[in-house]
């Protein structure tokens, strides 16, 4: 059990940091590709993939 947690701890920390950074970026972004509320749901529910999708396709380039 301790070995499993020690293997998963860095992945969990990475996911949390990525989600926090994505939510902060979501608050600062005024225009997105698609509805803003939908991007928030994607960021929060799709674990690691959601924040990455937001950074790659969600933010509208100015």
PDB file of N, CA and C in Angstrom:
ATOM      1  N   UNK A   1       0.828  -1.199   0.000  1.00  0.00           N
ATOM      2  CA  UNK A   1       0.000   0.000   0.000  1.00  0.00           C
ATOM      3  C   UNK A   1       0.870   1.259   0.000  1.00  0.00           C
ATOM      4  N   UNK A   2       1.905   1.286   0.791  1.00  0.00           N
ATOM      5  CA  UNK A   2       2.782   2.452   0.851  1.00  0.00           C
ATOM      6  C   UNK A   2       3.534   2.630  -0.466  1.00  0.00           C
ATOM      7  N   UNK A   3       3.898   1.507  -1.097  1.00  0.00           N
ATOM      8  CA  UNK A   3       4.589   1.601  -2.383  1.00  0.00           C
ATOM      9  C   UNK A   3       3.679   2.189  -3.449  1.00  0.00           C
ATOM     10  N   UNK A   4       2.428   1.801  -3.447  1.00  0.00           N
ATOM     11  CA  UNK A   4       1.470   2.316  -4.425  1.00  0.00           C
ATOM     12  C   UNK A   4       1.296   3.821  -4.251  1.00  0.00           C
ATOM     13  N   UNK A   5       1.174   4.257  -2.999  1.00  0.00           N
ATOM     14  CA  UNK A   5       1.010   5.687  -2.758  1.00  0.00           C
ATOM     15  C   UNK A   5       2.258   6.453  -3.168  1.00  0.00           C
ATOM     16  N   UNK A   6       3.430   5.912  -2.904  1.00  0.00           N
ATOM     17  CA  UNK A   6       4.658   6.620  -3.265  1.00  0.00           C
ATOM     18  C   UNK A   6       4.820   6.710  -4.781  1.00  0.00           C
ATOM     19  N   UNK A   7       4.243   5.770  -5.513  1.00  0.00           N
ATOM     20  CA  UNK A   7       4.281   5.844  -6.975  1.00  0.00           C
ATOM     21  C   UNK A   7       3.247   6.816  -7.529  1.00  0.00           C
ATOM     22  N   UNK A   8       2.104   6.912  -6.862  1.00  0.00           N
ATOM     23  CA  UNK A   8       1.021   7.761  -7.348  1.00  0.00           C
ATOM     24  C   UNK A   8       1.097   9.199  -6.842  1.00  0.00           C
ATOM     25  N   UNK A   9       1.814   9.449  -5.771  1.00  0.00           N
ATOM     26  CA  UNK A   9       1.879  10.787  -5.174  1.00  0.00           C
ATOM     27  C   UNK A   9       2.373  11.855  -6.154  1.00  0.00           C
ATOM     28  N   UNK A  10       3.445  11.620  -6.913  1.00  0.00           N
ATOM     29  CA  UNK A  10       3.863  12.658  -7.873  1.00  0.00           C
ATOM     30  C   UNK A  10       2.816  12.918  -8.954  1.00  0.00           C
ATOM     31  N   UNK A  11       2.143  11.882  -9.407  1.00  0.00           N
ATOM     32  CA  UNK A  11       1.108  12.050 -10.426  1.00  0.00           C
ATOM     33  C   UNK A  11      -0.083  12.837  -9.878  1.00  0.00           C
ATOM     34  N   UNK A  12      -0.460  12.568  -8.660  1.00  0.00           N
ATOM     35  CA  UNK A  12      -1.557  13.302  -8.024  1.00  0.00           C
ATOM     36  C   UNK A  12      -1.180  14.762  -7.834  1.00  0.00           C
ATOM     37  N   UNK A  13       0.050  15.019  -7.389  1.00  0.00           N
ATOM     38  CA  UNK A  13       0.517  16.391  -7.201  1.00  0.00           C
ATOM     39  C   UNK A  13       0.551  17.135  -8.540  1.00  0.00           C
ATOM     40  N   UNK A  14       1.017  16.476  -9.579  1.00  0.00           N
ATOM     41  CA  UNK A  14       1.058  17.088 -10.908  1.00  0.00           C
ATOM     42  C   UNK A  14      -0.336  17.439 -11.392  1.00  0.00           C
ATOM     43  N   UNK A  15      -1.279  16.550 -11.188  1.00  0.00           N
ATOM     44  CA  UNK A  15      -2.654  16.790 -11.619  1.00  0.00           C
ATOM     45  C   UNK A  15      -3.263  17.965 -10.869  1.00  0.00           C
ATOM     46  N   UNK A  16      -3.032  18.043  -9.566  1.00  0.00           N
ATOM     47  CA  UNK A  16      -3.581  19.147  -8.783  1.00  0.00           C
ATOM     48  C   UNK A  16      -2.985  20.485  -9.198  1.00  0.00           C
ATOM     49  N   UNK A  17      -1.670  20.521  -9.392  1.00  0.00           N
ATOM     50  CA  UNK A  17      -1.016  21.760  -9.810  1.00  0.00           C
ATOM     51  C   UNK A  17      -1.517  22.193 -11.180  1.00  0.00           C
ATOM     52  N   UNK A  18      -1.617  21.243 -12.096  1.00  0.00           N
ATOM     53  CA  UNK A  18      -2.093  21.549 -13.445  1.00  0.00           C
ATOM     54  C   UNK A  18      -3.532  22.064 -13.421  1.00  0.00           C
ATOM     55  N   UNK A  19      -4.382  21.465 -12.602  1.00  0.00           N
ATOM     56  CA  UNK A  19      -5.776  21.902 -12.507  1.00  0.00           C
ATOM     57  C   UNK A  19      -5.869  23.306 -11.900  1.00  0.00           C
ATOM     58  N   UNK A  20      -5.072  23.584 -10.875  1.00  0.00           N
ATOM     59  CA  UNK A  20      -5.097  24.904 -10.241  1.00  0.00           C
ATOM     60  C   UNK A  20      -4.632  25.979 -11.216  1.00  0.00           C
ATOM     61  N   UNK A  21      -3.547  25.706 -11.934  1.00  0.00           N
ATOM     62  CA  UNK A  21      -3.035  26.666 -12.913  1.00  0.00           C
ATOM     63  C   UNK A  21      -4.062  26.884 -14.029  1.00  0.00           C
ATOM     64  N   UNK A  22      -4.717  25.821 -14.467  1.00  0.00           N
ATOM     65  CA  UNK A  22      -5.720  25.944 -15.526  1.00  0.00           C
ATOM     66  C   UNK A  22      -6.926  26.754 -15.063  1.00  0.00           C
ATOM     67  N   UNK A  23      -7.372  26.556 -13.832  1.00  0.00           N
ATOM     68  CA  UNK A  23      -8.519  27.321 -13.322  1.00  0.00           C
ATOM     69  C   UNK A  23      -8.150  28.798 -13.192  1.00  0.00           C
ATOM     70  N   UNK A  24      -6.934  29.087 -12.743  1.00  0.00           N
ATOM     71  CA  UNK A  24      -6.486  30.478 -12.658  1.00  0.00           C
ATOM     72  C   UNK A  24      -6.440  31.092 -14.056  1.00  0.00           C
ATOM     73  N   UNK A  25      -5.914  30.357 -15.025  1.00  0.00           N
ATOM     74  CA  UNK A  25      -5.875  30.853 -16.408  1.00  0.00           C
ATOM     75  C   UNK A  25      -7.286  31.034 -16.949  1.00  0.00           C
ATOM     76  N   UNK A  26      -8.200  30.142 -16.570  1.00  0.00           N
ATOM     77  CA  UNK A  26      -9.594  30.248 -17.015  1.00  0.00           C
ATOM     78  C   UNK A  26     -10.229  31.539 -16.492  1.00  0.00           C
ATOM     79  N   UNK A  27      -9.952  31.885 -15.217  1.00  0.00           N
ATOM     80  CA  UNK A  27     -10.487  33.125 -14.650  1.00  0.00           C
ATOM     81  C   UNK A  27      -9.940  34.345 -15.372  1.00  0.00           C
ATOM     82  N   UNK A  28      -8.687  34.304 -15.773  1.00  0.00           N
ATOM     83  CA  UNK A  28      -8.059  35.460 -16.416  1.00  0.00           C
ATOM     84  C   UNK A  28      -8.400  35.576 -17.897  1.00  0.00           C
ATOM     85  N   UNK A  29      -8.833  34.492 -18.520  1.00  0.00           N
ATOM     86  CA  UNK A  29      -9.151  34.495 -19.949  1.00  0.00           C
ATOM     87  C   UNK A  29     -10.570  34.993 -20.159  1.00  0.00           C
ATOM     88  N   UNK A  30     -10.697  36.048 -20.962  1.00  0.00           N
ATOM     89  CA  UNK A  30     -12.023  36.608 -21.218  1.00  0.00           C
ATOM     90  C   UNK A  30     -12.761  35.860 -22.326  1.00  0.00           C
ATOM     91  N   UNK A  31     -12.033  35.473 -23.373  1.00  0.00           N
ATOM     92  CA  UNK A  31     -12.664  34.796 -24.505  1.00  0.00           C
ATOM     93  C   UNK A  31     -12.030  33.425 -24.689  1.00  0.00           C
ATOM     94  N   UNK A  32     -12.888  32.431 -24.881  1.00  0.00           N
ATOM     95  CA  UNK A  32     -12.422  31.070 -25.116  1.00  0.00           C
ATOM     96  C   UNK A  32     -13.051  30.541 -26.398  1.00  0.00           C
ATOM     97  N   UNK A  33     -12.515  29.460 -26.884  1.00  0.00           N
ATOM     98  CA  UNK A  33     -13.120  28.768 -28.025  1.00  0.00           C
ATOM     99  C   UNK A  33     -14.247  27.902 -27.477  1.00  0.00           C
ATOM    100  N   UNK A  34     -15.440  28.399 -27.476  1.00  0.00           N
ATOM    101  CA  UNK A  34     -16.578  27.707 -26.894  1.00  0.00           C
ATOM    102  C   UNK A  34     -17.012  28.398 -25.612  1.00  0.00           C
ATOM    103  N   UNK A  35     -18.064  27.910 -24.990  1.00  0.00           N
ATOM    104  CA  UNK A  35     -18.569  28.527 -23.757  1.00  0.00           C
ATOM    105  C   UNK A  35     -17.573  28.396 -22.600  1.00  0.00           C
ATOM    106  N   UNK A  36     -17.408  29.482 -21.857  1.00  0.00           N
ATOM    107  CA  UNK A  36     -16.463  29.469 -20.728  1.00  0.00           C
ATOM    108  C   UNK A  36     -16.862  28.448 -19.676  1.00  0.00           C
ATOM    109  N   UNK A  37     -18.156  28.349 -19.367  1.00  0.00           N
ATOM    110  CA  UNK A  37     -18.612  27.430 -18.330  1.00  0.00           C
ATOM    111  C   UNK A  37     -18.288  25.986 -18.691  1.00  0.00           C
ATOM    112  N   UNK A  38     -18.349  25.670 -19.976  1.00  0.00           N
ATOM    113  CA  UNK A  38     -18.045  24.313 -20.418  1.00  0.00           C
ATOM    114  C   UNK A  38     -16.566  23.998 -20.215  1.00  0.00           C
ATOM    115  N   UNK A  39     -15.704  24.984 -20.462  1.00  0.00           N
ATOM    116  CA  UNK A  39     -14.272  24.765 -20.253  1.00  0.00           C
ATOM    117  C   UNK A  39     -13.957  24.543 -18.785  1.00  0.00           C
ATOM    118  N   UNK A  40     -14.663  25.217 -17.897  1.00  0.00           N
ATOM    119  CA  UNK A  40     -14.449  24.989 -16.469  1.00  0.00           C
ATOM    120  C   UNK A  40     -14.817  23.556 -16.090  1.00  0.00           C
ATOM    121  N   UNK A  41     -15.919  23.059 -16.607  1.00  0.00           N
ATOM    122  CA  UNK A  41     -16.332  21.680 -16.337  1.00  0.00           C
ATOM    123  C   UNK A  41     -15.301  20.698 -16.890  1.00  0.00           C
ATOM    124  N   UNK A  42     -14.806  20.962 -18.103  1.00  0.00           N
ATOM    125  CA  UNK A  42     -13.799  20.086 -18.707  1.00  0.00           C
ATOM    126  C   UNK A  42     -12.531  20.074 -17.865  1.00  0.00           C
ATOM    127  N   UNK A  43     -12.096  21.253 -17.418  1.00  0.00           N
ATOM    128  CA  UNK A  43     -10.881  21.341 -16.593  1.00  0.00           C
ATOM    129  C   UNK A  43     -11.040  20.535 -15.311  1.00  0.00           C
ATOM    130  N   UNK A  44     -12.176  20.665 -14.668  1.00  0.00           N
ATOM    131  CA  UNK A  44     -12.358  20.033 -13.360  1.00  0.00           C
ATOM    132  C   UNK A  44     -12.674  18.538 -13.427  1.00  0.00           C
ATOM    133  N   UNK A  45     -13.339  18.092 -14.482  1.00  0.00           N
ATOM    134  CA  UNK A  45     -13.785  16.701 -14.510  1.00  0.00           C
ATOM    135  C   UNK A  45     -12.882  15.747 -15.287  1.00  0.00           C
ATOM    136  N   UNK A  46     -12.090  16.253 -16.211  1.00  0.00           N
ATOM    137  CA  UNK A  46     -11.295  15.351 -17.043  1.00  0.00           C
ATOM    138  C   UNK A  46      -9.860  15.178 -16.555  1.00  0.00           C
ATOM    139  N   UNK A  47      -9.622  15.407 -15.291  1.00  0.00           N
ATOM    140  CA  UNK A  47      -8.330  15.179 -14.654  1.00  0.00           C
ATOM    141  C   UNK A  47      -7.186  15.831 -15.416  1.00  0.00           C
ATOM    142  N   UNK A  48      -6.212  15.086 -15.851  1.00  0.00           N
ATOM    143  CA  UNK A  48      -5.021  15.649 -16.497  1.00  0.00           C
ATOM    144  C   UNK A  48      -5.335  16.121 -17.916  1.00  0.00           C
ATOM    145  N   UNK A  49      -6.195  15.442 -18.622  1.00  0.00           N
ATOM    146  CA  UNK A  49      -6.487  15.772 -20.016  1.00  0.00           C
ATOM    147  C   UNK A  49      -7.242  17.103 -20.133  1.00  0.00           C
ATOM    148  N   UNK A  50      -8.149  17.403 -19.226  1.00  0.00           N
ATOM    149  CA  UNK A  50      -8.947  18.623 -19.287  1.00  0.00           C
ATOM    150  C   UNK A  50      -8.120  19.897 -19.278  1.00  0.00           C
ATOM    151  N   UNK A  51      -7.219  20.078 -18.296  1.00  0.00           N
ATOM    152  CA  UNK A  51      -6.376  21.282 -18.319  1.00  0.00           C
ATOM    153  C   UNK A  51      -5.492  21.372 -19.561  1.00  0.00           C
ATOM    154  N   UNK A  52      -4.970  20.252 -20.013  1.00  0.00           N
ATOM    155  CA  UNK A  52      -4.132  20.263 -21.215  1.00  0.00           C
ATOM    156  C   UNK A  52      -4.957  20.691 -22.425  1.00  0.00           C
ATOM    157  N   UNK A  53      -6.170  20.170 -22.548  1.00  0.00           N
ATOM    158  CA  UNK A  53      -7.048  20.580 -23.650  1.00  0.00           C
ATOM    159  C   UNK A  53      -7.347  22.074 -23.591  1.00  0.00           C
ATOM    160  N   UNK A  54      -7.566  22.586 -22.382  1.00  0.00           N
ATOM    161  CA  UNK A  54      -7.852  24.019 -22.251  1.00  0.00           C
ATOM    162  C   UNK A  54      -6.667  24.846 -22.738  1.00  0.00           C
ATOM    163  N   UNK A  55      -5.455  24.474 -22.345  1.00  0.00           N
ATOM    164  CA  UNK A  55      -4.284  25.241 -22.764  1.00  0.00           C
ATOM    165  C   UNK A  55      -4.016  25.114 -24.262  1.00  0.00           C
ATOM    166  N   UNK A  56      -4.315  23.956 -24.840  1.00  0.00           N
ATOM    167  CA  UNK A  56      -4.031  23.746 -26.259  1.00  0.00           C
ATOM    168  C   UNK A  56      -5.122  24.339 -27.156  1.00  0.00           C
ATOM    169  N   UNK A  57      -6.399  24.058 -26.874  1.00  0.00           N
ATOM    170  CA  UNK A  57      -7.464  24.519 -27.757  1.00  0.00           C
ATOM    171  C   UNK A  57      -8.440  25.500 -27.117  1.00  0.00           C
ATOM    172  N   UNK A  58      -8.530  25.551 -25.838  1.00  0.00           N
ATOM    173  CA  UNK A  58      -9.566  26.354 -25.182  1.00  0.00           C
ATOM    174  C   UNK A  58      -9.346  27.842 -25.230  1.00  0.00           C
ATOM    175  N   UNK A  59      -8.107  28.266 -25.027  1.00  0.00           N
ATOM    176  CA  UNK A  59      -7.844  29.714 -24.995  1.00  0.00           C
ATOM    177  C   UNK A  59      -7.791  30.278 -26.403  1.00  0.00           C
ATOM    178  N   UNK A  60      -8.487  31.367 -26.595  1.00  0.00           N
ATOM    179  CA  UNK A  60      -8.500  32.026 -27.905  1.00  0.00           C
ATOM    180  C   UNK A  60      -7.275  32.914 -28.007  1.00  0.00           C
ATOM    181  N   UNK A  61      -6.537  32.750 -29.088  1.00  0.00           N
ATOM    182  CA  UNK A  61      -5.356  33.581 -29.318  1.00  0.00           C
ATOM    183  C   UNK A  61      -5.783  34.968 -29.770  1.00  0.00           C
ATOM    184  N   UNK A  62      -5.083  35.972 -29.299  1.00  0.00           N
ATOM    185  CA  UNK A  62      -5.463  37.352 -29.612  1.00  0.00           C
ATOM    186  C   UNK A  62      -4.644  37.915 -30.737  1.00  0.00           C
TER     187      UNK A  62
END
